Amino acid sequence: MPRLSCTLLLLLLAACRHDDFSRAGTWQPTGVNEINLQAMLSDPADANRGVAARDERGAAAAAPINRLLNDRRKPLPLSTWGSATGAAPSAGADAR
């Protein structure tokens, strides 16, 4: 049994050998991903700065952020749910 476990250990260690792809006959990076990306872009300038979607709502989303950053927040709407202290409304004297 010890011989079998020793053999298994050696096989596991051999499988964990470091392979950095620098030896001959292995794959080497050639820039194919970059070439494919450039081929898929209709306008090469899109690689530097993206294009917004047709239905984007960036301006609508940016307005509340600008108000928050400039300390010009809109007041909260008045609520009739509770009193001025925010407590829940009471049920009254006849609720049991």
C-alpha atoms as a PDB file:
ATOM      1  CA  MET A   1       0.000   0.000   0.000  1.00  0.00           C
ATOM      2  CA  PRO A   2       2.775   2.551   0.730  1.00  0.00           C
ATOM      3  CA  ARG A   3       4.238   1.966  -2.726  1.00  0.00           C
ATOM      4  CA  LEU A   4       0.879   2.747  -4.350  1.00  0.00           C
ATOM      5  CA  SER A   5       0.484   5.997  -2.395  1.00  0.00           C
ATOM      6  CA  CYS A   6       4.039   7.010  -3.279  1.00  0.00           C
ATOM      7  CA  THR A   7       3.321   6.372  -6.968  1.00  0.00           C
ATOM      8  CA  LEU A   8       0.104   8.371  -6.776  1.00  0.00           C
ATOM      9  CA  LEU A   9       1.920  11.249  -5.122  1.00  0.00           C
ATOM     10  CA  LEU A  10       4.578  11.287  -7.838  1.00  0.00           C
ATOM     11  CA  LEU A  11       1.922  11.265 -10.559  1.00  0.00           C
ATOM     12  CA  LEU A  12       0.106  14.172  -8.937  1.00  0.00           C
ATOM     13  CA  LEU A  13       3.305  16.161  -8.620  1.00  0.00           C
ATOM     14  CA  ALA A  14       4.179  15.492 -12.264  1.00  0.00           C
ATOM     15  CA  ALA A  15       0.731  16.754 -13.315  1.00  0.00           C
ATOM     16  CA  CYS A  16       1.312  20.050 -11.473  1.00  0.00           C
ATOM     17  CA  ARG A  17       4.468  20.863 -13.416  1.00  0.00           C
ATOM     18  CA  HIS A  18       4.655  24.504 -14.488  1.00  0.00           C
ATOM     19  CA  ASP A  19       4.104  25.057 -18.219  1.00  0.00           C
ATOM     20  CA  ASP A  20       4.714  28.640 -19.336  1.00  0.00           C
ATOM     21  CA  PHE A  21       4.114  28.081 -23.078  1.00  0.00           C
ATOM     22  CA  SER A  22       7.653  29.172 -23.887  1.00  0.00           C
ATOM     23  CA  ARG A  23       8.863  25.801 -25.144  1.00  0.00           C
ATOM     24  CA  ALA A  24       8.897  24.993 -28.857  1.00  0.00           C
ATOM     25  CA  GLY A  25       5.736  23.526 -30.365  1.00  0.00           C
ATOM     26  CA  THR A  26       3.287  25.168 -27.976  1.00  0.00           C
ATOM     27  CA  TRP A  27       0.820  27.926 -28.749  1.00  0.00           C
ATOM     28  CA  GLN A  28       2.269  31.418 -28.894  1.00  0.00           C
ATOM     29  CA  PRO A  29       0.224  34.647 -28.651  1.00  0.00           C
ATOM     30  CA  THR A  30      -0.012  36.316 -32.051  1.00  0.00           C
ATOM     31  CA  GLY A  31      -2.487  39.153 -31.453  1.00  0.00           C
ATOM     32  CA  VAL A  32      -5.450  37.333 -33.000  1.00  0.00           C
ATOM     33  CA  ASN A  33      -7.898  38.687 -30.395  1.00  0.00           C
ATOM     34  CA  GLU A  34      -6.994  42.278 -31.208  1.00  0.00           C
ATOM     35  CA  ILE A  35      -7.296  41.598 -34.938  1.00  0.00           C
ATOM     36  CA  ASN A  36     -10.757  40.051 -34.451  1.00  0.00           C
ATOM     37  CA  LEU A  37     -11.917  43.004 -32.338  1.00  0.00           C
ATOM     38  CA  GLN A  38     -10.797  45.497 -34.957  1.00  0.00           C
ATOM     39  CA  ALA A  39     -12.582  43.475 -37.670  1.00  0.00           C
ATOM     40  CA  MET A  40     -15.860  43.493 -35.691  1.00  0.00           C
ATOM     41  CA  LEU A  41     -15.891  47.268 -35.150  1.00  0.00           C
ATOM     42  CA  SER A  42     -17.773  49.187 -37.807  1.00  0.00           C
ATOM     43  CA  ASP A  43     -15.874  52.348 -36.878  1.00  0.00           C
ATOM     44  CA  PRO A  44     -12.333  51.905 -35.493  1.00  0.00           C
ATOM     45  CA  ALA A  45     -12.815  54.979 -33.295  1.00  0.00           C
ATOM     46  CA  ASP A  46     -15.369  52.965 -31.286  1.00  0.00           C
ATOM     47  CA  ALA A  47     -12.443  51.093 -29.701  1.00  0.00           C
ATOM     48  CA  ASN A  48     -11.341  54.324 -27.986  1.00  0.00           C
ATOM     49  CA  ARG A  49     -14.749  55.651 -26.980  1.00  0.00           C
ATOM     50  CA  GLY A  50     -17.928  53.619 -27.027  1.00  0.00           C
ATOM     51  CA  VAL A  51     -21.202  54.547 -28.656  1.00  0.00           C
ATOM     52  CA  ALA A  52     -24.357  55.007 -26.600  1.00  0.00           C
ATOM     53  CA  ALA A  53     -27.306  52.744 -27.202  1.00  0.00           C
ATOM     54  CA  ARG A  54     -30.214  54.164 -29.186  1.00  0.00           C
ATOM     55  CA  ASP A  55     -32.496  53.992 -26.169  1.00  0.00           C
ATOM     56  CA  GLU A  56     -29.966  55.189 -23.588  1.00  0.00           C
ATOM     57  CA  ARG A  57     -31.195  57.461 -20.809  1.00  0.00           C
ATOM     58  CA  GLY A  58     -27.903  58.878 -19.607  1.00  0.00           C
ATOM     59  CA  ALA A  59     -29.123  62.474 -19.415  1.00  0.00           C
ATOM     60  CA  ALA A  60     -32.203  61.459 -17.426  1.00  0.00           C
ATOM     61  CA  ALA A  61     -30.051  59.519 -14.985  1.00  0.00           C
ATOM     62  CA  ALA A  62     -27.417  62.251 -14.685  1.00  0.00           C
ATOM     63  CA  ALA A  63     -29.832  65.039 -13.682  1.00  0.00           C
ATOM     64  CA  PRO A  64     -30.597  63.665 -10.168  1.00  0.00           C
ATOM     65  CA  ILE A  65     -26.890  63.021  -9.581  1.00  0.00           C
ATOM     66  CA  ASN A  66     -26.031  66.606 -10.543  1.00  0.00           C
ATOM     67  CA  ARG A  67     -28.720  67.928  -8.185  1.00  0.00           C
ATOM     68  CA  LEU A  68     -27.330  65.799  -5.372  1.00  0.00           C
ATOM     69  CA  LEU A  69     -23.738  66.888  -5.976  1.00  0.00           C
ATOM     70  CA  ASN A  70     -24.737  70.567  -6.201  1.00  0.00           C
ATOM     71  CA  ASP A  71     -26.871  70.313  -3.042  1.00  0.00           C
ATOM     72  CA  ARG A  72     -30.055  71.230  -4.918  1.00  0.00           C
ATOM     73  CA  ARG A  73     -32.134  68.207  -3.980  1.00  0.00           C
ATOM     74  CA  LYS A  74     -35.866  68.318  -4.515  1.00  0.00           C
ATOM     75  CA  PRO A  75     -37.943  68.273  -1.312  1.00  0.00           C
ATOM     76  CA  LEU A  76     -39.679  65.052  -0.390  1.00  0.00           C
ATOM     77  CA  PRO A  77     -43.395  64.953  -1.178  1.00  0.00           C
ATOM     78  CA  LEU A  78     -45.775  65.565   1.692  1.00  0.00           C
ATOM     79  CA  SER A  79     -47.063  62.397   3.232  1.00  0.00           C
ATOM     80  CA  THR A  80     -50.529  61.964   4.731  1.00  0.00           C
ATOM     81  CA  TRP A  81     -49.634  58.548   6.129  1.00  0.00           C
ATOM     82  CA  GLY A  82     -48.432  59.628   9.580  1.00  0.00           C
ATOM     83  CA  SER A  83     -48.016  62.609  11.790  1.00  0.00           C
ATOM     84  CA  ALA A  84     -45.186  65.095  11.546  1.00  0.00           C
ATOM     85  CA  THR A  85     -43.067  62.819  13.746  1.00  0.00           C
ATOM     86  CA  GLY A  86     -43.380  59.958  11.276  1.00  0.00           C
ATOM     87  CA  ALA A  87     -45.419  57.741  13.577  1.00  0.00           C
ATOM     88  CA  ALA A  88     -47.974  55.369  12.118  1.00  0.00           C
ATOM     89  CA  PRO A  89     -51.586  56.541  12.241  1.00  0.00           C
ATOM     90  CA  SER A  90     -53.554  55.377  15.226  1.00  0.00           C
ATOM     91  CA  ALA A  91     -56.667  53.272  14.758  1.00  0.00           C
ATOM     92  CA  GLY A  92     -58.845  55.427  16.979  1.00  0.00           C
ATOM     93  CA  ALA A  93     -60.866  54.767  20.117  1.00  0.00           C
ATOM     94  CA  ASP A  94     -63.397  52.339  18.604  1.00  0.00           C
ATOM     95  CA  ALA A  95     -60.844  49.894  17.120  1.00  0.00           C
ATOM     96  CA  ARG A  96     -60.543  46.811  19.315  1.00  0.00           C
END
